[in-house]
N, C-alpha and C. Protein backbone atom coordinates (compact mmCIF):
# COMPACT_ATOMS: atom_id res chain seq x y z
N MET A 1 94.40 111.98 114.56
CA MET A 1 93.68 112.03 113.31
C MET A 1 93.66 113.47 112.81
N VAL A 2 93.64 113.62 111.50
CA VAL A 2 93.71 114.93 110.89
C VAL A 2 92.49 115.14 110.00
N TRP A 3 91.92 116.32 110.08
CA TRP A 3 90.83 116.67 109.18
C TRP A 3 91.40 117.41 107.99
N GLU A 4 90.98 117.02 106.81
CA GLU A 4 91.44 117.68 105.60
C GLU A 4 90.23 118.31 104.91
N TRP A 5 90.28 119.59 104.66
CA TRP A 5 89.17 120.30 104.03
C TRP A 5 89.46 120.50 102.56
N THR A 6 88.50 120.16 101.72
CA THR A 6 88.64 120.41 100.28
C THR A 6 87.33 120.97 99.76
N GLU A 7 87.44 121.80 98.75
CA GLU A 7 86.22 122.37 98.17
C GLU A 7 85.53 121.34 97.29
N CYS A 8 84.22 121.40 97.28
CA CYS A 8 83.44 120.49 96.45
C CYS A 8 83.57 120.91 94.99
N PRO A 9 84.03 120.05 94.12
CA PRO A 9 84.24 120.41 92.72
C PRO A 9 82.97 120.40 91.88
N HIS A 10 81.84 120.01 92.46
CA HIS A 10 80.63 119.81 91.67
C HIS A 10 79.87 121.10 91.35
N ARG A 11 80.07 122.13 92.12
CA ARG A 11 79.33 123.37 91.88
C ARG A 11 80.27 124.56 91.86
N PRO A 12 80.08 125.46 90.91
CA PRO A 12 80.88 126.68 90.93
C PRO A 12 80.40 127.58 92.07
N VAL A 13 81.30 128.39 92.57
CA VAL A 13 80.95 129.32 93.66
C VAL A 13 80.33 130.56 93.04
N ARG A 14 79.16 130.94 93.54
CA ARG A 14 78.49 132.15 93.06
C ARG A 14 78.56 133.21 94.15
N ALA A 15 78.49 134.45 93.76
CA ALA A 15 78.54 135.55 94.72
C ALA A 15 77.46 135.37 95.77
N GLY A 16 77.82 135.53 97.03
CA GLY A 16 76.85 135.44 98.11
C GLY A 16 76.48 134.02 98.50
N ARG A 17 77.14 133.04 97.93
CA ARG A 17 76.80 131.65 98.22
C ARG A 17 77.98 130.95 98.90
N GLN A 18 77.69 130.15 99.88
CA GLN A 18 78.75 129.42 100.57
C GLN A 18 79.27 128.30 99.69
N THR A 19 80.54 128.00 99.84
CA THR A 19 81.09 126.85 99.13
C THR A 19 80.76 125.59 99.90
N HIS A 20 80.52 124.53 99.17
CA HIS A 20 80.31 123.23 99.81
C HIS A 20 81.69 122.65 100.10
N GLN A 21 81.82 122.11 101.26
CA GLN A 21 83.10 121.51 101.62
C GLN A 21 82.86 120.08 102.07
N ARG A 22 83.83 119.27 101.84
CA ARG A 22 83.75 117.90 102.32
C ARG A 22 84.99 117.65 103.18
N THR A 23 84.88 116.72 104.06
CA THR A 23 86.01 116.40 104.91
C THR A 23 86.43 114.96 104.67
N ARG A 24 87.69 114.75 104.87
CA ARG A 24 88.23 113.39 104.78
C ARG A 24 89.05 113.18 106.04
N LEU A 25 88.68 112.20 106.79
CA LEU A 25 89.39 111.89 108.01
C LEU A 25 90.62 111.05 107.66
N VAL A 26 91.78 111.56 108.01
CA VAL A 26 93.02 110.84 107.75
C VAL A 26 93.44 110.14 109.03
N ARG A 27 93.54 108.84 108.97
CA ARG A 27 93.94 108.04 110.12
C ARG A 27 95.45 108.07 110.26
N THR A 28 95.94 108.28 111.46
CA THR A 28 97.38 108.27 111.68
C THR A 28 97.76 107.13 112.62
N VAL A 29 98.99 106.67 112.49
CA VAL A 29 99.52 105.62 113.35
C VAL A 29 100.94 105.99 113.78
N GLN A 30 101.37 105.42 114.87
CA GLN A 30 102.77 105.52 115.27
C GLN A 30 103.48 104.39 114.52
N CYS A 31 104.16 104.75 113.44
CA CYS A 31 104.76 103.76 112.54
C CYS A 31 105.98 103.09 113.18
N ILE A 32 105.97 101.75 113.18
CA ILE A 32 107.09 101.02 113.77
C ILE A 32 108.35 101.11 112.90
N LYS A 33 108.20 101.33 111.61
CA LYS A 33 109.36 101.44 110.72
C LYS A 33 110.07 102.77 110.90
N TYR A 34 109.31 103.86 110.92
CA TYR A 34 109.89 105.19 110.97
C TYR A 34 109.86 105.83 112.35
N ASN A 35 109.22 105.17 113.31
CA ASN A 35 109.14 105.67 114.67
C ASN A 35 108.64 107.12 114.72
N GLU A 36 107.61 107.39 113.94
CA GLU A 36 106.95 108.69 113.97
C GLU A 36 105.49 108.53 113.57
N THR A 37 104.70 109.54 113.86
CA THR A 37 103.28 109.51 113.53
C THR A 37 103.11 109.87 112.07
N LEU A 38 102.53 108.95 111.31
CA LEU A 38 102.32 109.13 109.87
C LEU A 38 100.93 108.66 109.49
N GLU A 39 100.53 108.98 108.27
CA GLU A 39 99.23 108.54 107.77
C GLU A 39 99.18 107.01 107.75
N GLY A 40 98.07 106.47 108.26
CA GLY A 40 97.90 105.02 108.31
C GLY A 40 97.22 104.47 107.07
N LEU A 41 97.13 103.17 107.03
CA LEU A 41 96.44 102.48 105.94
C LEU A 41 94.93 102.66 106.08
N GLU A 42 94.22 102.54 104.98
CA GLU A 42 92.77 102.70 104.99
C GLU A 42 92.05 101.45 105.47
N GLU A 43 92.69 100.30 105.33
CA GLU A 43 92.11 99.03 105.78
C GLU A 43 93.24 98.04 106.00
N PRO A 44 93.00 96.98 106.75
CA PRO A 44 94.06 95.99 106.95
C PRO A 44 94.50 95.41 105.60
N PRO A 45 95.80 95.32 105.36
CA PRO A 45 96.29 94.84 104.07
C PRO A 45 96.25 93.33 103.90
N LEU A 46 96.08 92.62 105.00
CA LEU A 46 96.05 91.16 104.99
C LEU A 46 94.93 90.68 105.91
N PRO A 47 94.43 89.48 105.69
CA PRO A 47 93.42 88.95 106.61
C PRO A 47 94.07 88.49 107.92
N GLY A 48 93.29 88.42 108.96
CA GLY A 48 93.74 87.84 110.22
C GLY A 48 94.54 88.77 111.10
N PRO A 49 95.13 88.20 112.15
CA PRO A 49 95.87 88.99 113.14
C PRO A 49 97.06 89.76 112.55
N ALA A 50 97.76 89.18 111.58
CA ALA A 50 98.90 89.87 110.97
C ALA A 50 98.43 91.15 110.29
N GLY A 51 97.34 91.08 109.56
CA GLY A 51 96.79 92.27 108.90
C GLY A 51 96.34 93.31 109.90
N ASP A 52 95.72 92.87 110.99
CA ASP A 52 95.28 93.81 112.03
C ASP A 52 96.47 94.51 112.67
N ARG A 53 97.54 93.75 112.95
CA ARG A 53 98.73 94.34 113.56
C ARG A 53 99.38 95.36 112.62
N ILE A 54 99.47 95.02 111.35
CA ILE A 54 100.05 95.94 110.37
C ILE A 54 99.18 97.20 110.27
N PHE A 55 97.88 97.02 110.23
CA PHE A 55 96.94 98.14 110.14
C PHE A 55 97.14 99.12 111.30
N GLU A 56 97.40 98.59 112.49
CA GLU A 56 97.52 99.43 113.69
C GLU A 56 98.90 100.05 113.87
N THR A 57 99.95 99.48 113.23
CA THR A 57 101.31 99.92 113.55
C THR A 57 102.19 100.32 112.36
N VAL A 58 101.67 100.20 111.15
CA VAL A 58 102.49 100.49 109.96
C VAL A 58 101.85 101.62 109.16
N SER A 59 102.67 102.58 108.76
CA SER A 59 102.17 103.72 107.98
C SER A 59 101.95 103.33 106.53
N LYS A 60 101.17 104.15 105.86
CA LYS A 60 100.93 103.96 104.43
C LYS A 60 102.25 104.03 103.66
N LYS A 61 103.10 104.98 104.04
CA LYS A 61 104.41 105.15 103.40
C LYS A 61 105.25 103.87 103.51
N ALA A 62 105.35 103.33 104.72
CA ALA A 62 106.15 102.11 104.93
C ALA A 62 105.56 100.93 104.16
N TRP A 63 104.22 100.83 104.14
CA TRP A 63 103.59 99.71 103.45
C TRP A 63 103.82 99.79 101.95
N LEU A 64 103.74 100.98 101.37
CA LEU A 64 104.00 101.14 99.94
C LEU A 64 105.45 100.79 99.60
N GLU A 65 106.38 101.16 100.48
CA GLU A 65 107.78 100.80 100.27
C GLU A 65 107.96 99.28 100.35
N TRP A 66 107.28 98.65 101.31
CA TRP A 66 107.35 97.19 101.40
C TRP A 66 106.80 96.55 100.13
N GLN A 67 105.68 97.02 99.63
CA GLN A 67 105.09 96.43 98.43
C GLN A 67 106.05 96.52 97.24
N SER A 68 106.77 97.62 97.15
CA SER A 68 107.74 97.78 96.07
C SER A 68 108.88 96.77 96.22
N LEU A 69 109.41 96.65 97.43
CA LEU A 69 110.47 95.67 97.67
C LEU A 69 109.96 94.25 97.45
N GLN A 70 108.76 93.96 97.91
CA GLN A 70 108.18 92.63 97.73
C GLN A 70 108.07 92.28 96.24
N THR A 71 107.62 93.22 95.44
CA THR A 71 107.50 92.99 93.99
C THR A 71 108.86 92.70 93.38
N THR A 72 109.87 93.48 93.80
CA THR A 72 111.22 93.26 93.30
C THR A 72 111.72 91.86 93.68
N LEU A 73 111.51 91.47 94.93
CA LEU A 73 111.96 90.15 95.38
C LEU A 73 111.25 89.03 94.61
N ILE A 74 109.95 89.17 94.43
CA ILE A 74 109.20 88.15 93.69
C ILE A 74 109.72 88.02 92.26
N ASN A 75 109.91 89.14 91.60
CA ASN A 75 110.33 89.11 90.20
C ASN A 75 111.78 88.68 90.03
N GLU A 76 112.68 89.27 90.79
CA GLU A 76 114.10 89.00 90.60
C GLU A 76 114.53 87.63 91.13
N LYS A 77 113.86 87.15 92.15
CA LYS A 77 114.19 85.83 92.70
C LYS A 77 113.27 84.73 92.16
N HIS A 78 112.39 85.11 91.23
CA HIS A 78 111.49 84.16 90.58
C HIS A 78 110.70 83.33 91.59
N LEU A 79 110.11 84.01 92.56
CA LEU A 79 109.35 83.32 93.60
C LEU A 79 107.99 82.89 93.06
N ASP A 80 107.60 81.69 93.40
CA ASP A 80 106.29 81.15 93.04
C ASP A 80 105.42 81.23 94.29
N LEU A 81 104.43 82.10 94.29
CA LEU A 81 103.62 82.32 95.48
C LEU A 81 102.70 81.15 95.81
N ARG A 82 102.66 80.15 94.95
CA ARG A 82 101.93 78.92 95.28
C ARG A 82 102.75 78.05 96.23
N ASP A 83 104.04 78.33 96.27
CA ASP A 83 104.97 77.57 97.11
C ASP A 83 104.96 78.10 98.54
N LYS A 84 104.70 77.22 99.49
CA LYS A 84 104.62 77.59 100.90
C LYS A 84 105.93 78.22 101.39
N ASP A 85 107.07 77.70 100.93
CA ASP A 85 108.36 78.25 101.34
C ASP A 85 108.56 79.67 100.83
N ALA A 86 108.10 79.95 99.62
CA ALA A 86 108.21 81.30 99.06
C ALA A 86 107.37 82.28 99.88
N ARG A 87 106.18 81.86 100.25
CA ARG A 87 105.32 82.73 101.08
C ARG A 87 105.93 82.96 102.46
N ALA A 88 106.51 81.91 103.04
CA ALA A 88 107.17 82.05 104.35
C ALA A 88 108.37 83.00 104.24
N TYR A 89 109.11 82.89 103.14
CA TYR A 89 110.26 83.78 102.91
C TYR A 89 109.79 85.23 102.85
N LEU A 90 108.73 85.50 102.10
CA LEU A 90 108.23 86.87 102.00
C LEU A 90 107.70 87.39 103.33
N THR A 91 107.06 86.53 104.10
CA THR A 91 106.58 86.93 105.43
C THR A 91 107.76 87.32 106.31
N ASP A 92 108.82 86.52 106.28
CA ASP A 92 110.03 86.83 107.05
C ASP A 92 110.64 88.15 106.59
N GLN A 93 110.75 88.34 105.28
CA GLN A 93 111.33 89.58 104.75
C GLN A 93 110.47 90.79 105.12
N ARG A 94 109.15 90.63 105.10
CA ARG A 94 108.24 91.72 105.47
C ARG A 94 108.47 92.12 106.93
N GLU A 95 108.53 91.13 107.81
CA GLU A 95 108.73 91.44 109.23
C GLU A 95 110.08 92.11 109.46
N ARG A 96 111.11 91.64 108.76
CA ARG A 96 112.44 92.25 108.88
C ARG A 96 112.41 93.70 108.38
N PHE A 97 111.80 93.92 107.23
CA PHE A 97 111.73 95.26 106.64
C PHE A 97 111.01 96.23 107.57
N LEU A 98 109.85 95.81 108.07
CA LEU A 98 109.05 96.71 108.90
C LEU A 98 109.68 96.98 110.26
N SER A 99 110.56 96.09 110.71
CA SER A 99 111.22 96.31 112.00
C SER A 99 112.67 96.79 111.83
N ASN A 100 112.99 97.28 110.64
CA ASN A 100 114.29 97.89 110.33
C ASN A 100 115.47 96.94 110.49
N GLN A 101 115.25 95.67 110.22
CA GLN A 101 116.35 94.71 110.20
C GLN A 101 116.84 94.56 108.76
N ALA A 102 117.98 93.92 108.60
CA ALA A 102 118.52 93.71 107.26
C ALA A 102 117.60 92.80 106.45
N VAL A 103 117.38 93.18 105.20
CA VAL A 103 116.54 92.38 104.30
C VAL A 103 117.35 92.00 103.07
N ASP A 104 116.90 90.98 102.37
CA ASP A 104 117.55 90.57 101.13
C ASP A 104 117.23 91.59 100.03
N HIS A 105 118.16 91.73 99.13
CA HIS A 105 117.93 92.54 97.94
C HIS A 105 118.30 91.68 96.74
N ALA A 106 117.60 91.88 95.67
CA ALA A 106 117.86 91.10 94.47
C ALA A 106 119.24 91.45 93.93
N GLU A 107 120.05 90.44 93.68
CA GLU A 107 121.40 90.67 93.16
C GLU A 107 121.33 91.23 91.75
N GLY A 108 122.11 92.26 91.50
CA GLY A 108 122.17 92.84 90.18
C GLY A 108 121.02 93.76 89.83
N PHE A 109 120.05 93.93 90.74
CA PHE A 109 118.92 94.81 90.45
C PHE A 109 119.37 96.26 90.55
N VAL A 110 119.06 97.04 89.51
CA VAL A 110 119.37 98.46 89.51
C VAL A 110 118.07 99.23 89.34
N PRO A 111 117.67 100.02 90.35
CA PRO A 111 116.42 100.79 90.23
C PRO A 111 116.50 101.79 89.08
N LYS A 112 115.35 102.16 88.54
CA LYS A 112 115.31 103.15 87.47
C LYS A 112 115.98 104.43 87.94
N GLY A 113 116.75 105.04 87.05
CA GLY A 113 117.39 106.31 87.35
C GLY A 113 118.80 106.16 87.91
N ASP A 114 119.23 104.94 88.19
CA ASP A 114 120.59 104.75 88.73
C ASP A 114 121.55 104.35 87.64
C-alpha cells in the first residue's frame, strides 16, 4: 500500500502556520493481467465471488481496459445484456482478457486516431 500526501486546498498557507495535509491510502494488488504490483480497485466491481476475486487480483488499469473492450464488444456485436448467452459470452471474454488469452475483437472496428 502507498501513502499519497496532498495539501489541503481549503486554506491558504500563512507565514508561521503549518499546512493541513490529507492522506489517501492507495490499495495495490499483484495484477494477474500485467504480472506486476499496480493500483487496485476501490471496491469489488461485481457482486459475489467473481467480484471478490477480481477485486483481489486485478489492477485498476486492467479493469478500465476491460471495460473499454467490453463496451466495444457490446456495441459492435449488438449484444443484448438481457440475453443469458450474451452475458455468458462477456463473462468468458472477461476471463480470457484478464488471463492474457486471445479475445474477440469487433470486426471492422477502428479506434479513434487510427
